[in-house]
Amino acid sequence: MFWIAWNTREAPRSAEALDPNAAKVYAQIFHSLLDQGIALAPSAFEIAFLSLAHTRRDIDRLAEGLRAALAAVAAQTQ
């Protein structure tokens, strides 16, 4: 199980600590991943699961997809 805390440097310890703009960032990343054929939960505040059914190739594909999505978001904000 994993969750990425968007727009924060520290792990949030309460709902109040969540950045309200995180959903906007996540929406861009979600759609970029979806365009690459990688599906995550549609909400920025849901968790994701890895299991033994996922192969090393699946995990590497997610990592590469995230890398590309984050680069695209960074390029848009500059």
PDB file of N, CA and C in Angstrom:
ATOM      1  N   MET A   1       0.837  -1.148   0.000  1.00  0.00           N
ATOM      2  CA  MET A   1       0.000   0.000   0.000  1.00  0.00           C
ATOM      3  C   MET A   1       0.903   1.237   0.000  1.00  0.00           C
ATOM      4  N   PHE A   2       0.515   2.241  -0.804  1.00  0.00           N
ATOM      5  CA  PHE A   2       1.270   3.482  -0.807  1.00  0.00           C
ATOM      6  C   PHE A   2       0.361   4.659  -1.134  1.00  0.00           C
ATOM      7  N   TRP A   3       0.817   5.830  -0.758  1.00  0.00           N
ATOM      8  CA  TRP A   3       0.118   7.066  -1.050  1.00  0.00           C
ATOM      9  C   TRP A   3       1.161   8.148  -1.209  1.00  0.00           C
ATOM     10  N   ILE A   4       0.972   9.015  -2.175  1.00  0.00           N
ATOM     11  CA  ILE A   4       1.902  10.108  -2.393  1.00  0.00           C
ATOM     12  C   ILE A   4       1.248  11.387  -1.884  1.00  0.00           C
ATOM     13  N   ALA A   5       1.913  12.067  -0.969  1.00  0.00           N
ATOM     14  CA  ALA A   5       1.424  13.345  -0.444  1.00  0.00           C
ATOM     15  C   ALA A   5       1.911  14.445  -1.383  1.00  0.00           C
ATOM     16  N   TRP A   6       1.024  15.024  -2.152  1.00  0.00           N
ATOM     17  CA  TRP A   6       1.373  16.035  -3.140  1.00  0.00           C
ATOM     18  C   TRP A   6       1.511  17.400  -2.474  1.00  0.00           C
ATOM     19  N   ASN A   7       2.442  18.197  -2.970  1.00  0.00           N
ATOM     20  CA  ASN A   7       2.652  19.583  -2.520  1.00  0.00           C
ATOM     21  C   ASN A   7       3.047  19.683  -1.056  1.00  0.00           C
ATOM     22  N   THR A   8       3.816  18.766  -0.552  1.00  0.00           N
ATOM     23  CA  THR A   8       4.243  18.840   0.835  1.00  0.00           C
ATOM     24  C   THR A   8       5.662  18.297   0.965  1.00  0.00           C
ATOM     25  N   ARG A   9       6.358  18.768   1.941  1.00  0.00           N
ATOM     26  CA  ARG A   9       7.705  18.262   2.199  1.00  0.00           C
ATOM     27  C   ARG A   9       7.691  17.241   3.328  1.00  0.00           C
ATOM     28  N   GLU A  10       6.645  17.256   4.129  1.00  0.00           N
ATOM     29  CA  GLU A  10       6.527  16.326   5.244  1.00  0.00           C
ATOM     30  C   GLU A  10       5.234  15.528   5.109  1.00  0.00           C
ATOM     31  N   ALA A  11       5.245  14.332   5.634  1.00  0.00           N
ATOM     32  CA  ALA A  11       4.039  13.500   5.601  1.00  0.00           C
ATOM     33  C   ALA A  11       2.949  14.149   6.449  1.00  0.00           C
ATOM     34  N   PRO A  12       1.774  14.376   5.870  1.00  0.00           N
ATOM     35  CA  PRO A  12       0.689  14.961   6.653  1.00  0.00           C
ATOM     36  C   PRO A  12       0.206  13.975   7.715  1.00  0.00           C
ATOM     37  N   ARG A  13      -0.111  14.496   8.872  1.00  0.00           N
ATOM     38  CA  ARG A  13      -0.566  13.661   9.987  1.00  0.00           C
ATOM     39  C   ARG A  13      -2.052  13.849  10.295  1.00  0.00           C
ATOM     40  N   SER A  14      -2.715  14.719   9.515  1.00  0.00           N
ATOM     41  CA  SER A  14      -4.149  14.940   9.703  1.00  0.00           C
ATOM     42  C   SER A  14      -4.742  15.457   8.392  1.00  0.00           C
ATOM     43  N   ALA A  15      -6.047  15.396   8.267  1.00  0.00           N
ATOM     44  CA  ALA A  15      -6.714  15.892   7.062  1.00  0.00           C
ATOM     45  C   ALA A  15      -6.484  17.394   6.895  1.00  0.00           C
ATOM     46  N   GLU A  16      -6.388  18.100   7.992  1.00  0.00           N
ATOM     47  CA  GLU A  16      -6.168  19.545   7.933  1.00  0.00           C
ATOM     48  C   GLU A  16      -4.802  19.893   7.348  1.00  0.00           C
ATOM     49  N   ALA A  17      -3.855  18.984   7.437  1.00  0.00           N
ATOM     50  CA  ALA A  17      -2.506  19.231   6.936  1.00  0.00           C
ATOM     51  C   ALA A  17      -2.387  19.022   5.424  1.00  0.00           C
ATOM     52  N   LEU A  18      -3.424  18.495   4.795  1.00  0.00           N
ATOM     53  CA  LEU A  18      -3.388  18.259   3.358  1.00  0.00           C
ATOM     54  C   LEU A  18      -3.490  19.572   2.598  1.00  0.00           C
ATOM     55  N   ASP A  19      -2.698  19.713   1.565  1.00  0.00           N
ATOM     56  CA  ASP A  19      -2.730  20.908   0.729  1.00  0.00           C
ATOM     57  C   ASP A  19      -3.971  20.859  -0.160  1.00  0.00           C
ATOM     58  N   PRO A  20      -4.834  21.873  -0.097  1.00  0.00           N
ATOM     59  CA  PRO A  20      -6.050  21.851  -0.922  1.00  0.00           C
ATOM     60  C   PRO A  20      -5.754  21.892  -2.422  1.00  0.00           C
ATOM     61  N   ASN A  21      -4.561  22.348  -2.812  1.00  0.00           N
ATOM     62  CA  ASN A  21      -4.197  22.381  -4.228  1.00  0.00           C
ATOM     63  C   ASN A  21      -3.647  21.052  -4.727  1.00  0.00           C
ATOM     64  N   ALA A  22      -3.482  20.099  -3.828  1.00  0.00           N
ATOM     65  CA  ALA A  22      -2.922  18.797  -4.211  1.00  0.00           C
ATOM     66  C   ALA A  22      -3.780  18.108  -5.270  1.00  0.00           C
ATOM     67  N   ALA A  23      -5.078  18.269  -5.184  1.00  0.00           N
ATOM     68  CA  ALA A  23      -5.964  17.613  -6.153  1.00  0.00           C
ATOM     69  C   ALA A  23      -5.719  18.128  -7.566  1.00  0.00           C
ATOM     70  N   LYS A  24      -5.386  19.403  -7.706  1.00  0.00           N
ATOM     71  CA  LYS A  24      -5.109  19.969  -9.031  1.00  0.00           C
ATOM     72  C   LYS A  24      -3.837  19.362  -9.624  1.00  0.00           C
ATOM     73  N   VAL A  25      -2.818  19.238  -8.810  1.00  0.00           N
ATOM     74  CA  VAL A  25      -1.572  18.622  -9.264  1.00  0.00           C
ATOM     75  C   VAL A  25      -1.814  17.158  -9.618  1.00  0.00           C
ATOM     76  N   TYR A  26      -2.520  16.458  -8.726  1.00  0.00           N
ATOM     77  CA  TYR A  26      -2.778  15.044  -8.962  1.00  0.00           C
ATOM     78  C   TYR A  26      -3.583  14.833 -10.244  1.00  0.00           C
ATOM     79  N   ALA A  27      -4.539  15.707 -10.524  1.00  0.00           N
ATOM     80  CA  ALA A  27      -5.351  15.554 -11.741  1.00  0.00           C
ATOM     81  C   ALA A  27      -4.466  15.539 -12.982  1.00  0.00           C
ATOM     82  N   GLN A  28      -3.467  16.408 -13.010  1.00  0.00           N
ATOM     83  CA  GLN A  28      -2.552  16.434 -14.155  1.00  0.00           C
ATOM     84  C   GLN A  28      -1.754  15.137 -14.240  1.00  0.00           C
ATOM     85  N   ILE A  29      -1.279  14.667 -13.115  1.00  0.00           N
ATOM     86  CA  ILE A  29      -0.487  13.435 -13.092  1.00  0.00           C
ATOM     87  C   ILE A  29      -1.361  12.232 -13.429  1.00  0.00           C
ATOM     88  N   PHE A  30      -2.556  12.193 -12.862  1.00  0.00           N
ATOM     89  CA  PHE A  30      -3.502  11.107 -13.127  1.00  0.00           C
ATOM     90  C   PHE A  30      -3.759  10.986 -14.625  1.00  0.00           C
ATOM     91  N   HIS A  31      -4.067  12.108 -15.284  1.00  0.00           N
ATOM     92  CA  HIS A  31      -4.395  12.059 -16.710  1.00  0.00           C
ATOM     93  C   HIS A  31      -3.170  11.726 -17.565  1.00  0.00           C
ATOM     94  N   SER A  32      -2.006  12.207 -17.158  1.00  0.00           N
ATOM     95  CA  SER A  32      -0.789  11.840 -17.880  1.00  0.00           C
ATOM     96  C   SER A  32      -0.539  10.338 -17.794  1.00  0.00           C
ATOM     97  N   LEU A  33      -0.684   9.776 -16.600  1.00  0.00           N
ATOM     98  CA  LEU A  33      -0.502   8.331 -16.436  1.00  0.00           C
ATOM     99  C   LEU A  33      -1.552   7.558 -17.229  1.00  0.00           C
ATOM    100  N   LEU A  34      -2.790   8.029 -17.185  1.00  0.00           N
ATOM    101  CA  LEU A  34      -3.861   7.357 -17.912  1.00  0.00           C
ATOM    102  C   LEU A  34      -3.566   7.357 -19.411  1.00  0.00           C
ATOM    103  N   ASP A  35      -3.044   8.477 -19.918  1.00  0.00           N
ATOM    104  CA  ASP A  35      -2.661   8.543 -21.340  1.00  0.00           C
ATOM    105  C   ASP A  35      -1.570   7.541 -21.678  1.00  0.00           C
ATOM    106  N   GLN A  36      -0.774   7.171 -20.666  1.00  0.00           N
ATOM    107  CA  GLN A  36       0.296   6.185 -20.860  1.00  0.00           C
ATOM    108  C   GLN A  36      -0.189   4.755 -20.594  1.00  0.00           C
ATOM    109  N   GLY A  37      -1.485   4.591 -20.309  1.00  0.00           N
ATOM    110  CA  GLY A  37      -2.037   3.264 -20.056  1.00  0.00           C
ATOM    111  C   GLY A  37      -1.860   2.785 -18.623  1.00  0.00           C
ATOM    112  N   ILE A  38      -1.595   3.716 -17.706  1.00  0.00           N
ATOM    113  CA  ILE A  38      -1.413   3.376 -16.291  1.00  0.00           C
ATOM    114  C   ILE A  38      -2.574   3.963 -15.506  1.00  0.00           C
ATOM    115  N   ALA A  39      -3.318   3.121 -14.823  1.00  0.00           N
ATOM    116  CA  ALA A  39      -4.495   3.573 -14.088  1.00  0.00           C
ATOM    117  C   ALA A  39      -4.226   3.586 -12.588  1.00  0.00           C
ATOM    118  N   LEU A  40      -4.467   4.741 -11.982  1.00  0.00           N
ATOM    119  CA  LEU A  40      -4.449   4.885 -10.535  1.00  0.00           C
ATOM    120  C   LEU A  40      -5.833   5.340 -10.096  1.00  0.00           C
ATOM    121  N   ALA A  41      -6.060   5.383  -8.806  1.00  0.00           N
ATOM    122  CA  ALA A  41      -7.334   5.870  -8.282  1.00  0.00           C
ATOM    123  C   ALA A  41      -7.541   7.311  -8.746  1.00  0.00           C
ATOM    124  N   PRO A  42      -8.779   7.704  -9.041  1.00  0.00           N
ATOM    125  CA  PRO A  42      -9.023   9.041  -9.573  1.00  0.00           C
ATOM    126  C   PRO A  42      -8.919  10.171  -8.556  1.00  0.00           C
ATOM    127  N   SER A  43      -8.857   9.872  -7.291  1.00  0.00           N
ATOM    128  CA  SER A  43      -8.769  10.912  -6.263  1.00  0.00           C
ATOM    129  C   SER A  43      -7.344  11.045  -5.734  1.00  0.00           C
ATOM    130  N   ALA A  44      -6.937  12.266  -5.474  1.00  0.00           N
ATOM    131  CA  ALA A  44      -5.600  12.523  -4.928  1.00  0.00           C
ATOM    132  C   ALA A  44      -5.449  12.002  -3.511  1.00  0.00           C
ATOM    133  N   PHE A  45      -6.547  11.681  -2.883  1.00  0.00           N
ATOM    134  CA  PHE A  45      -6.503  11.305  -1.468  1.00  0.00           C
ATOM    135  C   PHE A  45      -6.811   9.826  -1.228  1.00  0.00           C
ATOM    136  N   GLU A  46      -6.681   9.014  -2.282  1.00  0.00           N
ATOM    137  CA  GLU A  46      -6.859   7.570  -2.143  1.00  0.00           C
ATOM    138  C   GLU A  46      -5.491   6.894  -2.121  1.00  0.00           C
ATOM    139  N   ILE A  47      -5.460   5.706  -1.571  1.00  0.00           N
ATOM    140  CA  ILE A  47      -4.209   4.950  -1.531  1.00  0.00           C
ATOM    141  C   ILE A  47      -4.144   3.995  -2.718  1.00  0.00           C
ATOM    142  N   ALA A  48      -2.966   3.486  -2.961  1.00  0.00           N
ATOM    143  CA  ALA A  48      -2.762   2.513  -4.034  1.00  0.00           C
ATOM    144  C   ALA A  48      -2.142   1.259  -3.431  1.00  0.00           C
ATOM    145  N   PHE A  49      -2.278   0.169  -4.132  1.00  0.00           N
ATOM    146  CA  PHE A  49      -1.792  -1.108  -3.628  1.00  0.00           C
ATOM    147  C   PHE A  49      -0.855  -1.761  -4.625  1.00  0.00           C
ATOM    148  N   LEU A  50       0.210  -2.335  -4.118  1.00  0.00           N
ATOM    149  CA  LEU A  50       1.066  -3.240  -4.875  1.00  0.00           C
ATOM    150  C   LEU A  50       0.819  -4.632  -4.335  1.00  0.00           C
ATOM    151  N   SER A  51       0.911  -5.619  -5.198  1.00  0.00           N
ATOM    152  CA  SER A  51       0.731  -6.993  -4.743  1.00  0.00           C
ATOM    153  C   SER A  51       1.728  -7.895  -5.448  1.00  0.00           C
ATOM    154  N   LEU A  52       1.717  -9.143  -5.068  1.00  0.00           N
ATOM    155  CA  LEU A  52       2.604 -10.109  -5.715  1.00  0.00           C
ATOM    156  C   LEU A  52       2.222 -10.345  -7.170  1.00  0.00           C
ATOM    157  N   ALA A  53       1.033  -9.895  -7.561  1.00  0.00           N
ATOM    158  CA  ALA A  53       0.622 -10.011  -8.956  1.00  0.00           C
ATOM    159  C   ALA A  53       1.359  -9.008  -9.845  1.00  0.00           C
ATOM    160  N   HIS A  54       1.871  -7.932  -9.252  1.00  0.00           N
ATOM    161  CA  HIS A  54       2.634  -6.944 -10.010  1.00  0.00           C
ATOM    162  C   HIS A  54       4.059  -7.447 -10.213  1.00  0.00           C
ATOM    163  N   THR A  55       4.487  -7.335 -11.447  1.00  0.00           N
ATOM    164  CA  THR A  55       5.852  -7.769 -11.782  1.00  0.00           C
ATOM    165  C   THR A  55       6.823  -6.599 -11.652  1.00  0.00           C
ATOM    166  N   ARG A  56       8.077  -6.906 -11.702  1.00  0.00           N
ATOM    167  CA  ARG A  56       9.106  -5.864 -11.698  1.00  0.00           C
ATOM    168  C   ARG A  56       8.889  -4.929 -12.882  1.00  0.00           C
ATOM    169  N   ARG A  57       8.467  -5.490 -13.994  1.00  0.00           N
ATOM    170  CA  ARG A  57       8.187  -4.688 -15.198  1.00  0.00           C
ATOM    171  C   ARG A  57       7.047  -3.702 -14.928  1.00  0.00           C
ATOM    172  N   ASP A  58       6.004  -4.139 -14.227  1.00  0.00           N
ATOM    173  CA  ASP A  58       4.888  -3.252 -13.874  1.00  0.00           C
ATOM    174  C   ASP A  58       5.376  -2.076 -13.020  1.00  0.00           C
ATOM    175  N   ILE A  59       6.193  -2.378 -12.038  1.00  0.00           N
ATOM    176  CA  ILE A  59       6.693  -1.347 -11.128  1.00  0.00           C
ATOM    177  C   ILE A  59       7.615  -0.384 -11.880  1.00  0.00           C
ATOM    178  N   ASP A  60       8.474  -0.911 -12.735  1.00  0.00           N
ATOM    179  CA  ASP A  60       9.353  -0.054 -13.530  1.00  0.00           C
ATOM    180  C   ASP A  60       8.535   0.833 -14.466  1.00  0.00           C
ATOM    181  N   ARG A  61       7.467   0.295 -15.039  1.00  0.00           N
ATOM    182  CA  ARG A  61       6.595   1.063 -15.935  1.00  0.00           C
ATOM    183  C   ARG A  61       5.923   2.197 -15.175  1.00  0.00           C
ATOM    184  N   LEU A  62       5.462   1.925 -13.958  1.00  0.00           N
ATOM    185  CA  LEU A  62       4.865   2.972 -13.129  1.00  0.00           C
ATOM    186  C   LEU A  62       5.901   4.052 -12.814  1.00  0.00           C
ATOM    187  N   ALA A  63       7.103   3.646 -12.455  1.00  0.00           N
ATOM    188  CA  ALA A  63       8.156   4.609 -12.135  1.00  0.00           C
ATOM    189  C   ALA A  63       8.477   5.496 -13.338  1.00  0.00           C
ATOM    190  N   GLU A  64       8.594   4.899 -14.507  1.00  0.00           N
ATOM    191  CA  GLU A  64       8.869   5.685 -15.717  1.00  0.00           C
ATOM    192  C   GLU A  64       7.700   6.601 -16.048  1.00  0.00           C
ATOM    193  N   GLY A  65       6.487   6.096 -15.881  1.00  0.00           N
ATOM    194  CA  GLY A  65       5.305   6.916 -16.134  1.00  0.00           C
ATOM    195  C   GLY A  65       5.230   8.099 -15.197  1.00  0.00           C
ATOM    196  N   LEU A  66       5.501   7.865 -13.918  1.00  0.00           N
ATOM    197  CA  LEU A  66       5.515   8.957 -12.949  1.00  0.00           C
ATOM    198  C   LEU A  66       6.598   9.977 -13.277  1.00  0.00           C
ATOM    199  N   ARG A  67       7.752   9.488 -13.666  1.00  0.00           N
ATOM    200  CA  ARG A  67       8.860  10.386 -14.032  1.00  0.00           C
ATOM    201  C   ARG A  67       8.422  11.307 -15.172  1.00  0.00           C
ATOM    202  N   ALA A  68       7.809  10.749 -16.199  1.00  0.00           N
ATOM    203  CA  ALA A  68       7.360  11.540 -17.347  1.00  0.00           C
ATOM    204  C   ALA A  68       6.240  12.500 -16.948  1.00  0.00           C
ATOM    205  N   ALA A  69       5.309  12.032 -16.128  1.00  0.00           N
ATOM    206  CA  ALA A  69       4.195  12.879 -15.695  1.00  0.00           C
ATOM    207  C   ALA A  69       4.692  14.045 -14.853  1.00  0.00           C
ATOM    208  N   LEU A  70       5.604  13.786 -13.935  1.00  0.00           N
ATOM    209  CA  LEU A  70       6.144  14.850 -13.088  1.00  0.00           C
ATOM    210  C   LEU A  70       6.944  15.857 -13.903  1.00  0.00           C
ATOM    211  N   ALA A  71       7.665  15.385 -14.905  1.00  0.00           N
ATOM    212  CA  ALA A  71       8.423  16.289 -15.773  1.00  0.00           C
ATOM    213  C   ALA A  71       7.469  17.187 -16.551  1.00  0.00           C
ATOM    214  N   ALA A  72       6.368  16.628 -17.018  1.00  0.00           N
ATOM    215  CA  ALA A  72       5.381  17.423 -17.771  1.00  0.00           C
ATOM    216  C   ALA A  72       4.747  18.477 -16.869  1.00  0.00           C
ATOM    217  N   VAL A  73       4.415  18.116 -15.643  1.00  0.00           N
ATOM    218  CA  VAL A  73       3.840  19.091 -14.711  1.00  0.00           C
ATOM    219  C   VAL A  73       4.852  20.182 -14.387  1.00  0.00           C
ATOM    220  N   ALA A  74       6.094  19.797 -14.165  1.00  0.00           N
ATOM    221  CA  ALA A  74       7.145  20.786 -13.868  1.00  0.00           C
ATOM    222  C   ALA A  74       7.335  21.743 -15.042  1.00  0.00           C
ATOM    223  N   ALA A  75       7.280  21.229 -16.251  1.00  0.00           N
ATOM    224  CA  ALA A  75       7.454  22.081 -17.436  1.00  0.00           C
ATOM    225  C   ALA A  75       6.310  23.079 -17.576  1.00  0.00           C
ATOM    226  N   GLN A  76       5.111  22.696 -17.162  1.00  0.00           N
ATOM    227  CA  GLN A  76       3.951  23.589 -17.249  1.00  0.00           C
ATOM    228  C   GLN A  76       4.015  24.709 -16.223  1.00  0.00           C
ATOM    229  N   THR A  77       4.673  24.467 -15.113  1.00  0.00           N
ATOM    230  CA  THR A  77       4.706  25.470 -14.056  1.00  0.00           C
ATOM    231  C   THR A  77       5.852  26.459 -14.216  1.00  0.00           C
ATOM    232  N   GLN A  78       6.712  26.257 -15.194  1.00  0.00           N
ATOM    233  CA  GLN A  78       7.844  27.167 -15.397  1.00  0.00           C
ATOM    234  C   GLN A  78       7.544  28.200 -16.447  1.00  0.00           C
TER     235      GLN A  78
END
